[in-house]
Amino acid sequence: MKNWTRLLARKAVVGTINTNLATALAHCPTLEAAGWEFRCGECHVGIGTYAARYWWGWHSHNEYQVEIVVSGSFEFESATRGRVVLKPGDALVIPWKQAHRWRCLRSGVMIGVALELLPSVASIREDGRLIDDIRVVARAGLRPRLDEFLAQALRRDRRPTYAKTLACRLFLILVELMSGILPEEPESAASGQQATEARGLEIVGWVMNHLAKSLGTRVRLDEVAAKVGVSSRHLHRLFQRHAGKSLHDYWLEYRLEHARRLFGEEGRKRQVKDIAFACGFSSLAYFSNAFRKAYGVAPSAMLSKAIPMKNRSSTTDYASLEEAGAPARSARRGR
């Protein structure tokens, strides 16, 4: 195995790997299981090699965060679980908006991955909470796979297939890590749930399934509301409550995500306008503007060899654990 602690102490190596990983994200398949869907929004090695005693104070992410230790050792702490130590080959899955902090115990390297939860029937029933607290995942044989993955990411290869190969390696690592967390079957709604709440979940779930079957056709959202017997305004409120976004935003993001997948699967076989129309967009200009806003690149760029995707992760820092909404402890962000 390569000495990544030494290699990633060099800025040029860090830059090459981070650039290649950003390019590969456009080709990374959506992670799906039991109705839960995640899109990899970011993957990087951060600043490269973290020195011992480097630390980051209390913060949270708006996405599920996966931290994979390649070398050295790192200590993570959440408000409720306390401290856990990760060694090479260990990974930590952190729920969205879960306050946590970490520090480097022994100089080393971590791979950080942000997984954006795509609203689905299963996830809205669980209020977007796949796990309630940080969870350590250890997988035998992961270390050599990480070594191969980073070695691939270090290559200066501009062939069209390179980014897809790197994305496939990342996807397989994520599948292996998340396999012990993703449920085998969707869990039913809580038995004590209010009747109105259950009805709202049922309506949102039905609409999601209906829209998925209607992809590629012209859909009027007011007609969808009429099908479930509620007003358009009420249906938008239900989506805002249970999916975290309006029905309009959900439907737009769903079609854009499907278009992104089609570009990855058959982008060079079809023209941009064909993919736009296949995803229910009647205006090519509107599709192009919405795609660029969502992913940071024009749809036509998806046909090129190198596609650096827009960073989809976001972080909130806290001056203290009390500010994060948990019992107070002293903490500062260190550099």
C-alpha atoms as a PDB file:
ATOM      1  CA  MET A   1       0.000   0.000   0.000  1.00  0.00           C
ATOM      2  CA  LYS A   2       1.086   3.554  -0.698  1.00  0.00           C
ATOM      3  CA  ASN A   3       2.056   5.874   2.120  1.00  0.00           C
ATOM      4  CA  TRP A   4      -0.862   8.277   1.687  1.00  0.00           C
ATOM      5  CA  THR A   5       0.073  10.283   4.760  1.00  0.00           C
ATOM      6  CA  ARG A   6       3.308  11.244   3.057  1.00  0.00           C
ATOM      7  CA  LEU A   7       1.898  11.561  -0.473  1.00  0.00           C
ATOM      8  CA  LEU A   8      -1.018  13.795   0.508  1.00  0.00           C
ATOM      9  CA  ALA A   9       1.271  16.170   2.368  1.00  0.00           C
ATOM     10  CA  ARG A  10       2.026  17.530  -1.113  1.00  0.00           C
ATOM     11  CA  LYS A  11      -0.430  20.171  -2.384  1.00  0.00           C
ATOM     12  CA  ALA A  12      -0.072  19.091  -6.010  1.00  0.00           C
ATOM     13  CA  VAL A  13      -1.181  15.549  -5.168  1.00  0.00           C
ATOM     14  CA  VAL A  14      -4.126  16.830  -3.119  1.00  0.00           C
ATOM     15  CA  GLY A  15      -5.216  19.102  -5.973  1.00  0.00           C
ATOM     16  CA  THR A  16      -5.070  16.329  -8.566  1.00  0.00           C
ATOM     17  CA  ILE A  17      -7.090  13.905  -6.448  1.00  0.00           C
ATOM     18  CA  ASN A  18      -9.746  16.440  -5.436  1.00  0.00           C
ATOM     19  CA  THR A  19     -10.181  17.601  -9.043  1.00  0.00           C
ATOM     20  CA  ASN A  20     -10.563  14.053 -10.346  1.00  0.00           C
ATOM     21  CA  LEU A  21     -13.010  13.138  -7.588  1.00  0.00           C
ATOM     22  CA  ALA A  22     -15.139  16.206  -8.361  1.00  0.00           C
ATOM     23  CA  THR A  23     -15.195  15.206 -12.032  1.00  0.00           C
ATOM     24  CA  ALA A  24     -16.239  11.633 -11.205  1.00  0.00           C
ATOM     25  CA  LEU A  25     -19.340  12.753  -9.278  1.00  0.00           C
ATOM     26  CA  ALA A  26     -21.235  13.392 -12.510  1.00  0.00           C
ATOM     27  CA  HIS A  27     -21.060   9.672 -13.266  1.00  0.00           C
ATOM     28  CA  CYS A  28     -21.688   8.256  -9.786  1.00  0.00           C
ATOM     29  CA  PRO A  29     -24.989   6.321  -9.738  1.00  0.00           C
ATOM     30  CA  THR A  30     -27.676   7.092  -7.187  1.00  0.00           C
ATOM     31  CA  LEU A  31     -27.469   4.862  -4.128  1.00  0.00           C
ATOM     32  CA  GLU A  32     -30.837   3.161  -3.687  1.00  0.00           C
ATOM     33  CA  ALA A  33     -32.256   0.637  -1.206  1.00  0.00           C
ATOM     34  CA  ALA A  34     -35.721  -0.030   0.182  1.00  0.00           C
ATOM     35  CA  GLY A  35     -37.070   3.234  -1.190  1.00  0.00           C
ATOM     36  CA  TRP A  36     -34.207   5.380   0.149  1.00  0.00           C
ATOM     37  CA  GLU A  37     -32.182   7.271  -2.451  1.00  0.00           C
ATOM     38  CA  PHE A  38     -28.923   9.174  -1.994  1.00  0.00           C
ATOM     39  CA  ARG A  39     -26.890  11.180  -4.497  1.00  0.00           C
ATOM     40  CA  CYS A  40     -23.200  11.697  -3.903  1.00  0.00           C
ATOM     41  CA  GLY A  41     -22.868  15.471  -3.796  1.00  0.00           C
ATOM     42  CA  GLU A  42     -19.216  15.752  -2.785  1.00  0.00           C
ATOM     43  CA  CYS A  43     -16.134  13.581  -2.386  1.00  0.00           C
ATOM     44  CA  HIS A  44     -12.695  14.875  -1.427  1.00  0.00           C
ATOM     45  CA  VAL A  45      -9.603  14.333   0.694  1.00  0.00           C
ATOM     46  CA  GLY A  46      -9.907  17.792   2.240  1.00  0.00           C
ATOM     47  CA  ILE A  47      -6.571  19.502   2.757  1.00  0.00           C
ATOM     48  CA  GLY A  48      -4.796  16.163   2.364  1.00  0.00           C
ATOM     49  CA  THR A  49      -2.740  15.071   5.367  1.00  0.00           C
ATOM     50  CA  TYR A  50      -4.080  16.261   8.716  1.00  0.00           C
ATOM     51  CA  ALA A  51      -1.449  16.814  11.367  1.00  0.00           C
ATOM     52  CA  ALA A  52      -1.860  15.423  14.873  1.00  0.00           C
ATOM     53  CA  ARG A  53      -3.887  17.789  17.075  1.00  0.00           C
ATOM     54  CA  TYR A  54      -5.639  19.361  14.053  1.00  0.00           C
ATOM     55  CA  TRP A  55      -9.290  19.650  15.007  1.00  0.00           C
ATOM     56  CA  TRP A  56     -12.658  20.984  13.923  1.00  0.00           C
ATOM     57  CA  GLY A  57     -15.166  22.261  16.490  1.00  0.00           C
ATOM     58  CA  TRP A  58     -18.899  21.634  16.674  1.00  0.00           C
ATOM     59  CA  HIS A  59     -20.608  21.708  13.277  1.00  0.00           C
ATOM     60  CA  SER A  60     -23.251  19.928  11.237  1.00  0.00           C
ATOM     61  CA  HIS A  61     -24.012  19.145   7.594  1.00  0.00           C
ATOM     62  CA  ASN A  62     -27.236  19.441   5.635  1.00  0.00           C
ATOM     63  CA  GLU A  63     -26.435  16.078   4.044  1.00  0.00           C
ATOM     64  CA  TYR A  64     -25.497  12.660   5.366  1.00  0.00           C
ATOM     65  CA  GLN A  65     -21.732  12.716   5.817  1.00  0.00           C
ATOM     66  CA  VAL A  66     -19.418   9.717   5.464  1.00  0.00           C
ATOM     67  CA  GLU A  67     -15.851  10.018   6.762  1.00  0.00           C
ATOM     68  CA  ILE A  68     -13.488   7.202   5.751  1.00  0.00           C
ATOM     69  CA  VAL A  69     -10.083   6.927   7.407  1.00  0.00           C
ATOM     70  CA  VAL A  70      -7.277   5.961   5.025  1.00  0.00           C
ATOM     71  CA  SER A  71      -4.329   6.412   7.411  1.00  0.00           C
ATOM     72  CA  GLY A  72      -3.626   7.734  10.906  1.00  0.00           C
ATOM     73  CA  SER A  73      -6.383   7.905  13.528  1.00  0.00           C
ATOM     74  CA  PHE A  74      -9.202  10.359  14.217  1.00  0.00           C
ATOM     75  CA  GLU A  75     -11.562  10.934  17.130  1.00  0.00           C
ATOM     76  CA  PHE A  76     -15.177  11.987  16.513  1.00  0.00           C
ATOM     77  CA  GLU A  77     -17.722  13.082  19.085  1.00  0.00           C
ATOM     78  CA  SER A  78     -21.466  13.699  18.885  1.00  0.00           C
ATOM     79  CA  ALA A  79     -23.697  15.356  21.443  1.00  0.00           C
ATOM     80  CA  THR A  80     -25.308  12.088  22.516  1.00  0.00           C
ATOM     81  CA  ARG A  81     -22.982   9.220  21.682  1.00  0.00           C
ATOM     82  CA  GLY A  82     -19.736  10.601  23.028  1.00  0.00           C
ATOM     83  CA  ARG A  83     -16.314   9.851  21.560  1.00  0.00           C
ATOM     84  CA  VAL A  84     -15.390   7.208  18.983  1.00  0.00           C
ATOM     85  CA  VAL A  85     -11.928   6.580  17.516  1.00  0.00           C
ATOM     86  CA  LEU A  86     -11.519   5.626  13.856  1.00  0.00           C
ATOM     87  CA  LYS A  87      -8.539   3.699  12.518  1.00  0.00           C
ATOM     88  CA  PRO A  88      -7.546   2.966   8.877  1.00  0.00           C
ATOM     89  CA  GLY A  89     -10.392   1.107   7.154  1.00  0.00           C
ATOM     90  CA  ASP A  90     -13.041   2.489   9.528  1.00  0.00           C
ATOM     91  CA  ALA A  91     -15.819   4.787   8.375  1.00  0.00           C
ATOM     92  CA  LEU A  92     -18.309   6.993  10.177  1.00  0.00           C
ATOM     93  CA  VAL A  93     -21.812   7.804   8.915  1.00  0.00           C
ATOM     94  CA  ILE A  94     -23.200  11.060  10.317  1.00  0.00           C
ATOM     95  CA  PRO A  95     -26.911  11.960  10.025  1.00  0.00           C
ATOM     96  CA  TRP A  96     -27.864  15.257   8.460  1.00  0.00           C
ATOM     97  CA  LYS A  97     -27.970  18.199  10.884  1.00  0.00           C
ATOM     98  CA  GLN A  98     -26.261  16.090  13.587  1.00  0.00           C
ATOM     99  CA  ALA A  99     -23.851  18.252  15.601  1.00  0.00           C
ATOM    100  CA  HIS A 100     -20.400  16.686  15.908  1.00  0.00           C
ATOM    101  CA  ARG A 101     -16.716  17.566  16.135  1.00  0.00           C
ATOM    102  CA  TRP A 102     -13.465  15.762  15.456  1.00  0.00           C
ATOM    103  CA  ARG A 103      -9.710  15.896  15.935  1.00  0.00           C
ATOM    104  CA  CYS A 104      -6.718  14.108  14.473  1.00  0.00           C
ATOM    105  CA  LEU A 105      -4.965  11.850  16.993  1.00  0.00           C
ATOM    106  CA  ARG A 106      -2.246  10.592  14.669  1.00  0.00           C
ATOM    107  CA  SER A 107      -1.277  12.312  11.424  1.00  0.00           C
ATOM    108  CA  GLY A 108      -3.299  10.840   8.580  1.00  0.00           C
ATOM    109  CA  VAL A 109      -5.792  11.088   5.709  1.00  0.00           C
ATOM    110  CA  MET A 110      -9.588  10.934   5.500  1.00  0.00           C
ATOM    111  CA  ILE A 111     -11.963  10.758   2.540  1.00  0.00           C
ATOM    112  CA  GLY A 112     -15.061  12.885   3.062  1.00  0.00           C
ATOM    113  CA  VAL A 113     -18.287  12.099   1.207  1.00  0.00           C
ATOM    114  CA  ALA A 114     -21.565  14.049   1.292  1.00  0.00           C
ATOM    115  CA  LEU A 115     -24.696  12.042   0.471  1.00  0.00           C
ATOM    116  CA  GLU A 116     -27.701  14.147  -0.415  1.00  0.00           C
ATOM    117  CA  LEU A 117     -30.988  12.454   0.528  1.00  0.00           C
ATOM    118  CA  LEU A 118     -33.480  12.544  -2.342  1.00  0.00           C
ATOM    119  CA  PRO A 119     -37.047  12.662  -0.978  1.00  0.00           C
ATOM    120  CA  SER A 120     -38.905   9.384  -1.470  1.00  0.00           C
ATOM    121  CA  VAL A 121     -41.906   7.547  -0.033  1.00  0.00           C
ATOM    122  CA  ALA A 122     -39.681   5.683   2.440  1.00  0.00           C
ATOM    123  CA  SER A 123     -37.663   8.686   3.580  1.00  0.00           C
ATOM    124  CA  ILE A 124     -40.640  10.957   4.241  1.00  0.00           C
ATOM    125  CA  ARG A 125     -42.159   8.303   6.500  1.00  0.00           C
ATOM    126  CA  GLU A 126     -39.006   8.398   8.586  1.00  0.00           C
ATOM    127  CA  ASP A 127     -38.719  12.196   8.404  1.00  0.00           C
ATOM    128  CA  GLY A 128     -35.439  11.850   6.525  1.00  0.00           C
ATOM    129  CA  ARG A 129     -33.750  10.029   9.429  1.00  0.00           C
ATOM    130  CA  LEU A 130     -32.100   6.814   8.356  1.00  0.00           C
ATOM    131  CA  ILE A 131     -30.052   6.735  11.584  1.00  0.00           C
ATOM    132  CA  ASP A 132     -30.423   8.828  14.756  1.00  0.00           C
ATOM    133  CA  ASP A 133     -26.745   9.262  15.669  1.00  0.00           C
ATOM    134  CA  ILE A 134     -23.244   8.791  14.308  1.00  0.00           C
ATOM    135  CA  ARG A 135     -22.501   5.171  13.467  1.00  0.00           C
ATOM    136  CA  VAL A 136     -19.128   3.483  12.961  1.00  0.00           C
ATOM    137  CA  VAL A 137     -18.888   1.063  10.044  1.00  0.00           C
ATOM    138  CA  ALA A 138     -15.874  -1.244   9.792  1.00  0.00           C
ATOM    139  CA  ARG A 139     -15.462  -3.456   6.742  1.00  0.00           C
ATOM    140  CA  ALA A 140     -12.798  -6.134   6.373  1.00  0.00           C
ATOM    141  CA  GLY A 141     -10.835  -5.642   3.190  1.00  0.00           C
ATOM    142  CA  LEU A 142     -11.750  -1.970   2.807  1.00  0.00           C
ATOM    143  CA  ARG A 143      -8.162  -0.700   3.201  1.00  0.00           C
ATOM    144  CA  PRO A 144      -6.814  -2.218  -0.046  1.00  0.00           C
ATOM    145  CA  ARG A 145      -9.922  -0.990  -1.857  1.00  0.00           C
ATOM    146  CA  LEU A 146      -9.279   2.536  -0.563  1.00  0.00           C
ATOM    147  CA  ASP A 147      -5.666   2.270  -1.706  1.00  0.00           C
ATOM    148  CA  GLU A 148      -6.799   1.275  -5.213  1.00  0.00           C
ATOM    149  CA  PHE A 149      -9.408   4.035  -5.255  1.00  0.00           C
ATOM    150  CA  LEU A 150      -6.952   6.804  -4.357  1.00  0.00           C
ATOM    151  CA  ALA A 151      -4.335   5.424  -6.747  1.00  0.00           C
ATOM    152  CA  GLN A 152      -6.949   5.649  -9.496  1.00  0.00           C
ATOM    153  CA  ALA A 153      -7.847   9.199  -8.419  1.00  0.00           C
ATOM    154  CA  LEU A 154      -4.184  10.226  -8.619  1.00  0.00           C
ATOM    155  CA  ARG A 155      -3.882   9.384 -12.301  1.00  0.00           C
ATOM    156  CA  ARG A 156      -3.759  12.136 -14.910  1.00  0.00           C
ATOM    157  CA  ASP A 157      -6.071  10.423 -17.365  1.00  0.00           C
ATOM    158  CA  ARG A 158      -8.363  12.387 -19.680  1.00  0.00           C
ATOM    159  CA  ARG A 159      -9.981   9.490 -21.524  1.00  0.00           C
ATOM    160  CA  PRO A 160     -13.819   9.607 -21.533  1.00  0.00           C
ATOM    161  CA  THR A 161     -14.019   6.356 -19.568  1.00  0.00           C
ATOM    162  CA  TYR A 162     -11.686   7.484 -16.765  1.00  0.00           C
ATOM    163  CA  ALA A 163     -14.227   9.482 -14.738  1.00  0.00           C
ATOM    164  CA  LYS A 164     -16.795   6.687 -15.046  1.00  0.00           C
ATOM    165  CA  THR A 165     -14.296   4.097 -13.814  1.00  0.00           C
ATOM    166  CA  LEU A 166     -13.436   6.259 -10.813  1.00  0.00           C
ATOM    167  CA  ALA A 167     -17.141   6.842 -10.114  1.00  0.00           C
ATOM    168  CA  CYS A 168     -17.787   3.086 -10.171  1.00  0.00           C
ATOM    169  CA  ARG A 169     -15.035   2.509  -7.596  1.00  0.00           C
ATOM    170  CA  LEU A 170     -16.538   5.193  -5.348  1.00  0.00           C
ATOM    171  CA  PHE A 171     -20.029   3.731  -5.758  1.00  0.00           C
ATOM    172  CA  LEU A 172     -18.879   0.233  -4.764  1.00  0.00           C
ATOM    173  CA  ILE A 173     -17.180   1.593  -1.641  1.00  0.00           C
ATOM    174  CA  LEU A 174     -20.339   3.465  -0.653  1.00  0.00           C
ATOM    175  CA  VAL A 175     -22.528   0.409  -1.267  1.00  0.00           C
ATOM    176  CA  GLU A 176     -20.295  -1.669   0.969  1.00  0.00           C
ATOM    177  CA  LEU A 177     -20.331   0.928   3.743  1.00  0.00           C
ATOM    178  CA  MET A 178     -24.040   1.702   3.595  1.00  0.00           C
ATOM    179  CA  SER A 179     -25.221  -1.896   3.187  1.00  0.00           C
ATOM    180  CA  GLY A 180     -25.333  -2.357   6.945  1.00  0.00           C
ATOM    181  CA  ILE A 181     -27.374   0.813   7.454  1.00  0.00           C
ATOM    182  CA  LEU A 182     -29.929   0.887   4.652  1.00  0.00           C
ATOM    183  CA  PRO A 183     -33.019  -1.132   5.675  1.00  0.00           C
ATOM    184  CA  GLU A 184     -34.053  -4.213   3.739  1.00  0.00           C
ATOM    185  CA  GLU A 185     -37.682  -3.122   3.636  1.00  0.00           C
ATOM    186  CA  PRO A 186     -39.410   0.201   4.238  1.00  0.00           C
ATOM    187  CA  GLU A 187     -40.690   0.543   7.756  1.00  0.00           C
ATOM    188  CA  SER A 188     -44.341   1.388   8.248  1.00  0.00           C
ATOM    189  CA  ALA A 189     -45.489   4.643   9.763  1.00  0.00           C
ATOM    190  CA  ALA A 190     -45.585   4.863  13.556  1.00  0.00           C
ATOM    191  CA  SER A 191     -48.733   3.311  15.027  1.00  0.00           C
ATOM    192  CA  GLY A 192     -49.449   6.299  17.253  1.00  0.00           C
ATOM    193  CA  GLN A 193     -49.367   8.812  14.435  1.00  0.00           C
ATOM    194  CA  GLN A 194     -52.261  11.207  14.137  1.00  0.00           C
ATOM    195  CA  ALA A 195     -54.799  10.333  11.435  1.00  0.00           C
ATOM    196  CA  THR A 196     -54.250  13.631   9.645  1.00  0.00           C
ATOM    197  CA  GLU A 197     -50.485  13.122   9.670  1.00  0.00           C
ATOM    198  CA  ALA A 198     -50.866   9.619   8.267  1.00  0.00           C
ATOM    199  CA  ARG A 199     -53.195  10.894   5.566  1.00  0.00           C
ATOM    200  CA  GLY A 200     -50.679  13.586   4.619  1.00  0.00           C
ATOM    201  CA  LEU A 201     -47.914  10.992   4.285  1.00  0.00           C
ATOM    202  CA  GLU A 202     -50.198   8.799   2.202  1.00  0.00           C
ATOM    203  CA  ILE A 203     -51.028  11.660  -0.160  1.00  0.00           C
ATOM    204  CA  VAL A 204     -47.386  12.710  -0.612  1.00  0.00           C
ATOM    205  CA  GLY A 205     -46.331   9.098  -1.200  1.00  0.00           C
ATOM    206  CA  TRP A 206     -49.061   8.568  -3.803  1.00  0.00           C
ATOM    207  CA  VAL A 207     -48.133  11.769  -5.631  1.00  0.00           C
ATOM    208  CA  MET A 208     -44.441  10.803  -5.682  1.00  0.00           C
ATOM    209  CA  ASN A 209     -45.263   7.433  -7.218  1.00  0.00           C
ATOM    210  CA  HIS A 210     -47.671   9.029  -9.698  1.00  0.00           C
ATOM    211  CA  LEU A 211     -45.093  11.576 -10.835  1.00  0.00           C
ATOM    212  CA  ALA A 212     -42.447   8.870 -11.261  1.00  0.00           C
ATOM    213  CA  LYS A 213     -44.806   6.971 -13.588  1.00  0.00           C
ATOM    214  CA  SER A 214     -45.624  10.185 -15.464  1.00  0.00           C
ATOM    215  CA  LEU A 215     -42.026  11.114 -16.257  1.00  0.00           C
ATOM    216  CA  GLY A 216     -41.706  12.115 -19.908  1.00  0.00           C
ATOM    217  CA  THR A 217     -45.265  13.425 -20.134  1.00  0.00           C
ATOM    218  CA  ARG A 218     -46.580  16.914 -19.503  1.00  0.00           C
ATOM    219  CA  VAL A 219     -47.834  17.098 -15.925  1.00  0.00           C
ATOM    220  CA  ARG A 220     -50.010  19.827 -14.480  1.00  0.00           C
ATOM    221  CA  LEU A 221     -49.584  19.957 -10.732  1.00  0.00           C
ATOM    222  CA  ASP A 222     -53.068  21.364 -10.161  1.00  0.00           C
ATOM    223  CA  GLU A 223     -54.502  18.293 -11.894  1.00  0.00           C
ATOM    224  CA  VAL A 224     -52.378  16.060  -9.669  1.00  0.00           C
ATOM    225  CA  ALA A 225     -53.821  17.830  -6.610  1.00  0.00           C
ATOM    226  CA  ALA A 226     -57.337  17.261  -7.941  1.00  0.00           C
ATOM    227  CA  LYS A 227     -56.631  13.537  -8.309  1.00  0.00           C
ATOM    228  CA  VAL A 228     -55.971  13.239  -4.552  1.00  0.00           C
ATOM    229  CA  GLY A 229     -58.852  15.537  -3.617  1.00  0.00           C
ATOM    230  CA  VAL A 230     -56.926  18.482  -2.139  1.00  0.00           C
ATOM    231  CA  SER A 231     -56.178  22.006  -3.286  1.00  0.00           C
ATOM    232  CA  SER A 232     -52.882  22.849  -4.981  1.00  0.00           C
ATOM    233  CA  ARG A 233     -51.981  25.077  -2.051  1.00  0.00           C
ATOM    234  CA  HIS A 234     -52.612  22.309   0.487  1.00  0.00           C
ATOM    235  CA  LEU A 235     -50.621  19.800  -1.569  1.00  0.00           C
ATOM    236  CA  HIS A 236     -47.675  22.204  -1.654  1.00  0.00           C
ATOM    237  CA  ARG A 237     -47.918  22.548   2.137  1.00  0.00           C
ATOM    238  CA  LEU A 238     -47.921  18.753   2.557  1.00  0.00           C
ATOM    239  CA  PHE A 239     -44.779  18.455   0.445  1.00  0.00           C
ATOM    240  CA  GLN A 240     -43.105  21.247   2.364  1.00  0.00           C
ATOM    241  CA  ARG A 241     -43.873  19.430   5.629  1.00  0.00           C
ATOM    242  CA  HIS A 242     -43.058  15.853   4.661  1.00  0.00           C
ATOM    243  CA  ALA A 243     -40.474  16.238   1.875  1.00  0.00           C
ATOM    244  CA  GLY A 244     -38.789  19.429   3.051  1.00  0.00           C
ATOM    245  CA  LYS A 245     -39.520  21.270  -0.202  1.00  0.00           C
ATOM    246  CA  SER A 246     -42.456  22.426  -2.293  1.00  0.00           C
ATOM    247  CA  LEU A 247     -44.119  20.138  -4.815  1.00  0.00           C
ATOM    248  CA  HIS A 248     -42.810  22.335  -7.644  1.00  0.00           C
ATOM    249  CA  ASP A 249     -39.218  22.097  -6.369  1.00  0.00           C
ATOM    250  CA  TYR A 250     -39.520  18.345  -5.798  1.00  0.00           C
ATOM    251  CA  TRP A 251     -40.840  17.692  -9.316  1.00  0.00           C
ATOM    252  CA  LEU A 252     -38.152  19.899 -10.884  1.00  0.00           C
ATOM    253  CA  GLU A 253     -35.321  18.220  -8.902  1.00  0.00           C
ATOM    254  CA  TYR A 254     -36.696  14.755  -9.674  1.00  0.00           C
ATOM    255  CA  ARG A 255     -36.653  15.412 -13.433  1.00  0.00           C
ATOM    256  CA  LEU A 256     -33.220  17.042 -13.328  1.00  0.00           C
ATOM    257  CA  GLU A 257     -31.787  14.101 -11.378  1.00  0.00           C
ATOM    258  CA  HIS A 258     -33.268  11.665 -13.907  1.00  0.00           C
ATOM    259  CA  ALA A 259     -31.713  13.705 -16.718  1.00  0.00           C
ATOM    260  CA  ARG A 260     -28.338  13.567 -14.967  1.00  0.00           C
ATOM    261  CA  ARG A 261     -28.605   9.776 -14.815  1.00  0.00           C
ATOM    262  CA  LEU A 262     -29.481   9.572 -18.509  1.00  0.00           C
ATOM    263  CA  PHE A 263     -26.428  11.651 -19.396  1.00  0.00           C
ATOM    264  CA  GLY A 264     -24.283   9.198 -17.455  1.00  0.00           C
ATOM    265  CA  GLU A 265     -25.868   6.132 -19.044  1.00  0.00           C
ATOM    266  CA  GLU A 266     -26.408   7.193 -22.652  1.00  0.00           C
ATOM    267  CA  GLY A 267     -25.218  10.782 -22.963  1.00  0.00           C
ATOM    268  CA  ARG A 268     -23.205  10.244 -26.147  1.00  0.00           C
ATOM    269  CA  LYS A 269     -26.039   8.301 -27.773  1.00  0.00           C
ATOM    270  CA  ARG A 270     -28.688  11.019 -27.396  1.00  0.00           C
ATOM    271  CA  GLN A 271     -28.814  14.756 -27.896  1.00  0.00           C
ATOM    272  CA  VAL A 272     -29.446  17.178 -25.033  1.00  0.00           C
ATOM    273  CA  LYS A 273     -32.925  18.044 -26.326  1.00  0.00           C
ATOM    274  CA  ASP A 274     -33.912  14.360 -26.463  1.00  0.00           C
ATOM    275  CA  ILE A 275     -32.970  13.875 -22.806  1.00  0.00           C
ATOM    276  CA  ALA A 276     -34.779  17.096 -21.844  1.00  0.00           C
ATOM    277  CA  PHE A 277     -37.990  15.988 -23.541  1.00  0.00           C
ATOM    278  CA  ALA A 278     -37.677  12.468 -22.099  1.00  0.00           C
ATOM    279  CA  CYS A 279     -37.713  14.046 -18.629  1.00  0.00           C
ATOM    280  CA  GLY A 280     -40.824  16.122 -19.269  1.00  0.00           C
ATOM    281  CA  PHE A 281     -39.261  19.490 -20.169  1.00  0.00           C
ATOM    282  CA  SER A 282     -41.038  21.218 -23.043  1.00  0.00           C
ATOM    283  CA  SER A 283     -38.530  24.099 -23.178  1.00  0.00           C
ATOM    284  CA  LEU A 284     -34.884  23.378 -23.903  1.00  0.00           C
ATOM    285  CA  ALA A 285     -33.868  26.826 -22.618  1.00  0.00           C
ATOM    286  CA  TYR A 286     -35.677  26.279 -19.305  1.00  0.00           C
ATOM    287  CA  PHE A 287     -34.108  22.828 -18.941  1.00  0.00           C
ATOM    288  CA  SER A 288     -30.613  24.189 -19.643  1.00  0.00           C
ATOM    289  CA  ASN A 289     -30.971  27.036 -17.130  1.00  0.00           C
ATOM    290  CA  ALA A 290     -32.399  24.771 -14.413  1.00  0.00           C
ATOM    291  CA  PHE A 291     -29.704  22.121 -14.993  1.00  0.00           C
ATOM    292  CA  ARG A 292     -26.900  24.688 -14.794  1.00  0.00           C
ATOM    293  CA  LYS A 293     -28.346  26.158 -11.594  1.00  0.00           C
ATOM    294  CA  ALA A 294     -28.647  22.723  -9.971  1.00  0.00           C
ATOM    295  CA  TYR A 295     -25.315  21.180 -11.005  1.00  0.00           C
ATOM    296  CA  GLY A 296     -23.108  24.116 -11.937  1.00  0.00           C
ATOM    297  CA  VAL A 297     -22.555  22.965 -15.534  1.00  0.00           C
ATOM    298  CA  ALA A 298     -24.518  23.238 -18.767  1.00  0.00           C
ATOM    299  CA  PRO A 299     -26.206  20.024 -20.017  1.00  0.00           C
ATOM    300  CA  SER A 300     -23.938  20.054 -23.077  1.00  0.00           C
ATOM    301  CA  ALA A 301     -20.903  19.853 -20.755  1.00  0.00           C
ATOM    302  CA  MET A 302     -22.123  16.416 -19.647  1.00  0.00           C
ATOM    303  CA  LEU A 303     -21.002  15.152 -23.051  1.00  0.00           C
ATOM    304  CA  SER A 304     -17.415  16.303 -22.528  1.00  0.00           C
ATOM    305  CA  LYS A 305     -14.560  14.310 -21.023  1.00  0.00           C
ATOM    306  CA  ALA A 306     -14.167  16.317 -17.811  1.00  0.00           C
ATOM    307  CA  ILE A 307     -17.221  17.457 -15.856  1.00  0.00           C
ATOM    308  CA  PRO A 308     -16.508  19.159 -12.535  1.00  0.00           C
ATOM    309  CA  MET A 309     -19.845  19.057 -10.730  1.00  0.00           C
ATOM    310  CA  LYS A 310     -21.129  21.781  -8.436  1.00  0.00           C
ATOM    311  CA  ASN A 311     -20.364  21.234  -4.750  1.00  0.00           C
ATOM    312  CA  ARG A 312     -23.672  20.111  -3.208  1.00  0.00           C
ATOM    313  CA  SER A 313     -22.628  19.983   0.437  1.00  0.00           C
ATOM    314  CA  SER A 314     -23.090  22.642   3.102  1.00  0.00           C
ATOM    315  CA  THR A 315     -21.738  22.990   6.632  1.00  0.00           C
ATOM    316  CA  THR A 316     -22.926  24.975   9.656  1.00  0.00           C
ATOM    317  CA  ASP A 317     -20.364  25.825  12.349  1.00  0.00           C
ATOM    318  CA  TYR A 318     -21.298  26.428  15.975  1.00  0.00           C
ATOM    319  CA  ALA A 319     -19.445  28.419  18.604  1.00  0.00           C
ATOM    320  CA  SER A 320     -20.610  25.891  21.217  1.00  0.00           C
ATOM    321  CA  LEU A 321     -22.644  22.730  21.569  1.00  0.00           C
ATOM    322  CA  GLU A 322     -25.340  24.806  23.255  1.00  0.00           C
ATOM    323  CA  GLU A 323     -25.640  26.881  20.078  1.00  0.00           C
ATOM    324  CA  ALA A 324     -26.131  23.650  18.143  1.00  0.00           C
ATOM    325  CA  GLY A 325     -29.149  22.858  20.310  1.00  0.00           C
ATOM    326  CA  ALA A 326     -27.509  20.419  22.737  1.00  0.00           C
ATOM    327  CA  PRO A 327     -26.092  20.689  26.314  1.00  0.00           C
ATOM    328  CA  ALA A 328     -23.269  23.219  26.497  1.00  0.00           C
ATOM    329  CA  ARG A 329     -19.636  22.247  26.216  1.00  0.00           C
ATOM    330  CA  SER A 330     -16.674  24.415  25.411  1.00  0.00           C
ATOM    331  CA  ALA A 331     -15.474  24.070  21.849  1.00  0.00           C
ATOM    332  CA  ARG A 332     -13.659  26.133  19.290  1.00  0.00           C
ATOM    333  CA  ARG A 333     -12.723  25.499  15.716  1.00  0.00           C
ATOM    334  CA  GLY A 334      -8.978  24.963  15.393  1.00  0.00           C
ATOM    335  CA  ARG A 335      -6.723  25.187  12.408  1.00  0.00           C
END
